[in-house]
C-alpha atoms as a PDB file:
ATOM      1  CA  MET A   1       0.711 -33.577  -0.205  1.00  0.00           C
ATOM      2  CA  ALA A   2       0.997 -29.769   0.135  1.00  0.00           C
ATOM      3  CA  GLU A   3       3.256 -28.513   2.896  1.00  0.00           C
ATOM      4  CA  LEU A   4       2.033 -25.511   4.927  1.00  0.00           C
ATOM      5  CA  LEU A   5       4.461 -22.587   4.810  1.00  0.00           C
ATOM      6  CA  ASP A   6       2.427 -19.728   6.412  1.00  0.00           C
ATOM      7  CA  HIS A   7      -1.160 -19.025   7.499  1.00  0.00           C
ATOM      8  CA  VAL A   8      -2.036 -15.427   8.449  1.00  0.00           C
ATOM      9  CA  VAL A   9      -5.590 -14.142   9.252  1.00  0.00           C
ATOM     10  CA  ASN A  10      -6.481 -10.477   9.706  1.00  0.00           C
ATOM     11  CA  VAL A  11     -10.007  -9.597  10.999  1.00  0.00           C
ATOM     12  CA  PRO A  12     -10.365  -5.914  11.286  1.00  0.00           C
ATOM     13  CA  THR A  13     -14.043  -6.521  12.218  1.00  0.00           C
ATOM     14  CA  PRO A  14     -15.942  -9.889  12.465  1.00  0.00           C
ATOM     15  CA  ILE A  15     -19.552  -8.323  12.353  1.00  0.00           C
ATOM     16  CA  THR A  16     -21.739  -6.144  10.212  1.00  0.00           C
ATOM     17  CA  ASN A  17     -21.797  -2.470  11.154  1.00  0.00           C
ATOM     18  CA  GLY A  18     -18.384  -3.210  12.834  1.00  0.00           C
ATOM     19  CA  ALA A  19     -16.915  -0.497  10.306  1.00  0.00           C
ATOM     20  CA  ALA A  20     -17.861   2.552   8.617  1.00  0.00           C
ATOM     21  CA  ILE A  21     -15.356   3.107   5.864  1.00  0.00           C
ATOM     22  CA  ASN A  22     -16.388   5.215   3.005  1.00  0.00           C
ATOM     23  CA  VAL A  23     -15.369   3.750  -0.498  1.00  0.00           C
ATOM     24  CA  PRO A  24     -13.449   6.594  -2.229  1.00  0.00           C
ATOM     25  CA  GLN A  25     -14.084   7.286  -5.966  1.00  0.00           C
ATOM     26  CA  THR A  26     -11.495   5.754  -8.325  1.00  0.00           C
ATOM     27  CA  PRO A  27      -8.660   6.263  -8.820  1.00  0.00           C
ATOM     28  CA  ALA A  28      -8.235   6.733  -5.111  1.00  0.00           C
ATOM     29  CA  GLY A  29      -8.175   3.386  -3.276  1.00  0.00           C
ATOM     30  CA  GLN A  30      -8.683   2.661   0.414  1.00  0.00           C
ATOM     31  CA  GLY A  31      -6.785  -0.304   2.108  1.00  0.00           C
ATOM     32  CA  ILE A  32      -8.964  -2.134   4.390  1.00  0.00           C
ATOM     33  CA  ALA A  33      -6.927  -5.155   5.429  1.00  0.00           C
ATOM     34  CA  LEU A  34      -3.184  -6.417   5.248  1.00  0.00           C
ATOM     35  CA  VAL A  35      -1.691  -9.863   5.695  1.00  0.00           C
ATOM     36  CA  ARG A  36       2.059 -10.398   5.914  1.00  0.00           C
ATOM     37  CA  VAL A  37       3.354 -13.846   4.420  1.00  0.00           C
ATOM     38  CA  THR A  38       6.717 -15.270   4.821  1.00  0.00           C
ATOM     39  CA  ILE A  39       8.048 -17.825   2.226  1.00  0.00           C
ATOM     40  CA  PRO A  40      11.057 -19.479   3.297  1.00  0.00           C
ATOM     41  CA  ALA A  41      14.229 -19.344   1.070  1.00  0.00           C
ATOM     42  CA  ASN A  42      14.218 -23.290   0.577  1.00  0.00           C
ATOM     43  CA  ARG A  43      10.771 -23.191  -0.933  1.00  0.00           C
ATOM     44  CA  PRO A  44      10.981 -21.377  -4.285  1.00  0.00           C
ATOM     45  CA  ALA A  45       7.832 -23.222  -5.832  1.00  0.00           C
ATOM     46  CA  ASN A  46       4.876 -22.176  -3.906  1.00  0.00           C
ATOM     47  CA  LYS A  47       1.249 -20.837  -3.932  1.00  0.00           C
ATOM     48  CA  VAL A  48      -0.455 -18.313  -1.724  1.00  0.00           C
ATOM     49  CA  GLN A  49      -4.234 -18.480  -1.567  1.00  0.00           C
ATOM     50  CA  LEU A  50      -5.884 -15.217  -0.510  1.00  0.00           C
ATOM     51  CA  ASP A  51      -9.419 -15.270   0.821  1.00  0.00           C
ATOM     52  CA  ALA A  52     -11.439 -12.109   1.679  1.00  0.00           C
ATOM     53  CA  THR A  53     -15.034 -11.431   2.972  1.00  0.00           C
ATOM     54  CA  VAL A  54     -16.153  -7.806   2.976  1.00  0.00           C
ATOM     55  CA  GLY A  55     -19.523  -6.362   4.019  1.00  0.00           C
ATOM     56  CA  LEU A  56     -20.630  -3.377   1.762  1.00  0.00           C
ATOM     57  CA  GLN A  57     -23.583  -0.948   2.047  1.00  0.00           C
ATOM     58  CA  GLY A  58     -24.915   1.081  -0.908  1.00  0.00           C
ATOM     59  CA  ILE A  59     -25.448   4.676   0.084  1.00  0.00           C
ATOM     60  CA  THR A  60     -26.659   6.290  -3.202  1.00  0.00           C
ATOM     61  CA  GLY A  61     -27.228   5.017  -6.780  1.00  0.00           C
ATOM     62  CA  ILE A  62     -25.606   1.547  -7.746  1.00  0.00           C
ATOM     63  CA  PRO A  63     -21.989   1.779  -6.673  1.00  0.00           C
ATOM     64  CA  ARG A  64     -19.679  -0.466  -8.356  1.00  0.00           C
ATOM     65  CA  VAL A  65     -16.931  -1.513  -5.856  1.00  0.00           C
ATOM     66  CA  LEU A  66     -13.504  -2.444  -7.178  1.00  0.00           C
ATOM     67  CA  PHE A  67     -11.709  -4.784  -4.862  1.00  0.00           C
ATOM     68  CA  ARG A  68      -7.863  -4.937  -5.554  1.00  0.00           C
ATOM     69  CA  ILE A  69      -5.183  -7.084  -3.948  1.00  0.00           C
ATOM     70  CA  PHE A  70      -1.695  -5.885  -4.081  1.00  0.00           C
ATOM     71  CA  ARG A  71       1.479  -7.817  -3.262  1.00  0.00           C
ATOM     72  CA  ASP A  72       4.252  -5.470  -1.996  1.00  0.00           C
ATOM     73  CA  GLY A  73       2.708  -2.537  -3.732  1.00  0.00           C
ATOM     74  CA  HIS A  74       1.865  -4.397  -7.181  1.00  0.00           C
ATOM     75  CA  GLU A  75      -1.623  -5.218  -8.166  1.00  0.00           C
ATOM     76  CA  ILE A  76      -2.165  -8.965  -8.610  1.00  0.00           C
ATOM     77  CA  TYR A  77      -5.876  -9.349  -8.496  1.00  0.00           C
ATOM     78  CA  TYR A  78      -9.134  -7.311  -8.962  1.00  0.00           C
ATOM     79  CA  ALA A  79     -12.854  -7.921  -8.959  1.00  0.00           C
ATOM     80  CA  VAL A  80     -16.000  -5.655  -9.162  1.00  0.00           C
ATOM     81  CA  GLN A  81     -19.051  -5.992  -7.275  1.00  0.00           C
ATOM     82  CA  ALA A  82     -22.214  -3.828  -7.655  1.00  0.00           C
ATOM     83  CA  VAL A  83     -24.471  -2.968  -4.605  1.00  0.00           C
ATOM     84  CA  GLU A  84     -28.029  -2.012  -5.313  1.00  0.00           C
ATOM     85  CA  THR A  85     -28.948   0.872  -3.019  1.00  0.00           C
ATOM     86  CA  ASP A  86     -32.829   0.942  -3.611  1.00  0.00           C
ATOM     87  CA  PHE A  87     -33.491  -2.697  -2.898  1.00  0.00           C
ATOM     88  CA  GLU A  88     -30.945  -4.878  -1.118  1.00  0.00           C
ATOM     89  CA  ASN A  89     -28.522  -2.071   0.076  1.00  0.00           C
ATOM     90  CA  VAL A  90     -26.267  -4.449   1.838  1.00  0.00           C
ATOM     91  CA  ASN A  91     -24.028  -7.124   0.290  1.00  0.00           C
ATOM     92  CA  LEU A  92     -21.521  -9.714   1.567  1.00  0.00           C
ATOM     93  CA  THR A  93     -18.770 -10.168  -1.011  1.00  0.00           C
ATOM     94  CA  SER A  94     -16.204 -13.036  -0.858  1.00  0.00           C
ATOM     95  CA  LEU A  95     -13.117 -13.161  -2.917  1.00  0.00           C
ATOM     96  CA  ILE A  96     -10.645 -16.026  -3.543  1.00  0.00           C
ATOM     97  CA  ALA A  97      -7.425 -15.224  -5.314  1.00  0.00           C
ATOM     98  CA  ALA A  98      -4.194 -17.269  -5.982  1.00  0.00           C
ATOM     99  CA  ASP A  99      -0.667 -15.965  -6.219  1.00  0.00           C
ATOM    100  CA  VAL A 100       1.733 -18.562  -7.643  1.00  0.00           C
ATOM    101  CA  ASN A 101       5.648 -18.852  -7.719  1.00  0.00           C
ATOM    102  CA  VAL A 102       5.991 -16.021  -5.185  1.00  0.00           C
ATOM    103  CA  ALA A 103       9.669 -15.300  -4.361  1.00  0.00           C
ATOM    104  CA  PRO A 104      11.086 -16.375  -1.009  1.00  0.00           C
ATOM    105  CA  GLY A 105      10.972 -13.572   1.559  1.00  0.00           C
ATOM    106  CA  VAL A 106       8.283 -11.493   3.449  1.00  0.00           C
ATOM    107  CA  HIS A 107       5.401 -10.133   1.299  1.00  0.00           C
ATOM    108  CA  ASP A 108       2.619  -7.815   2.336  1.00  0.00           C
ATOM    109  CA  TYR A 109      -0.701  -8.366   0.696  1.00  0.00           C
ATOM    110  CA  VAL A 110      -3.146  -5.405   0.873  1.00  0.00           C
ATOM    111  CA  LEU A 111      -6.906  -5.655   0.187  1.00  0.00           C
ATOM    112  CA  SER A 112      -8.158  -2.233  -1.129  1.00  0.00           C
ATOM    113  CA  VAL A 113     -11.587  -0.767  -2.301  1.00  0.00           C
ATOM    114  CA  GLU A 114     -12.745   2.008  -4.637  1.00  0.00           C
ATOM    115  CA  ASN A 115     -15.886   3.099  -6.337  1.00  0.00           C
ATOM    116  CA  LEU A 116     -16.102   2.984 -10.122  1.00  0.00           C
ATOM    117  CA  ALA A 117     -19.465   4.601 -10.558  1.00  0.00           C
ATOM    118  CA  ALA A 118     -19.354   8.465 -10.506  1.00  0.00           C
ATOM    119  CA  GLY A 119     -22.422  10.084  -8.466  1.00  0.00           C
ATOM    120  CA  THR A 120     -22.762   7.054  -6.316  1.00  0.00           C
ATOM    121  CA  GLN A 121     -21.647   6.183  -2.687  1.00  0.00           C
ATOM    122  CA  ALA A 122     -20.767   2.998  -0.914  1.00  0.00           C
ATOM    123  CA  ARG A 123     -19.483   2.098   2.525  1.00  0.00           C
ATOM    124  CA  VAL A 124     -17.606  -0.834   3.878  1.00  0.00           C
ATOM    125  CA  ILE A 125     -19.657  -1.836   6.961  1.00  0.00           C
ATOM    126  CA  GLY A 126     -18.083  -5.134   7.865  1.00  0.00           C
ATOM    127  CA  PRO A 127     -17.339  -7.941   8.461  1.00  0.00           C
ATOM    128  CA  ILE A 128     -13.843  -7.607   7.136  1.00  0.00           C
ATOM    129  CA  VAL A 129     -11.863 -10.807   7.098  1.00  0.00           C
ATOM    130  CA  PHE A 130      -8.602 -11.334   4.884  1.00  0.00           C
ATOM    131  CA  THR A 131      -6.439 -14.490   5.056  1.00  0.00           C
ATOM    132  CA  ALA A 132      -3.547 -15.941   3.441  1.00  0.00           C
ATOM    133  CA  LEU A 133      -2.453 -19.560   3.210  1.00  0.00           C
ATOM    134  CA  ALA A 134       0.964 -20.357   1.720  1.00  0.00           C
ATOM    135  CA  THR A 135       1.789 -23.868   0.694  1.00  0.00           C
ATOM    136  CA  ALA A 136       4.682 -25.562  -1.286  1.00  0.00           C
END
């Protein structure tokens, strides 16, 4: 049975239209949530499950939003979500990532967004939820 080491929840906004964060064009990224996880020194074999839910709005064109997760400034995960502006211009994206064999200590995980499609615009409108569950 897994042993719970840490559980961290960050909810910058729990609702749609609770934020208005313009998604910058790549390579600029915008951090939208952070969770800080502590791994005890006596638990070298562990896993951190990262879950994120982000509400997006397409403003112009078909933006391709790149989601990245960084651990202590190093990218560990990425995924792309397109938003169709002319039809369903709002989108609720959920991500699940796993980080295994994380060294003991305190680690900052940052969720960031950037737009890969030139000439398009997108906005993070909420909800924004970012959680981490560390187990041994």
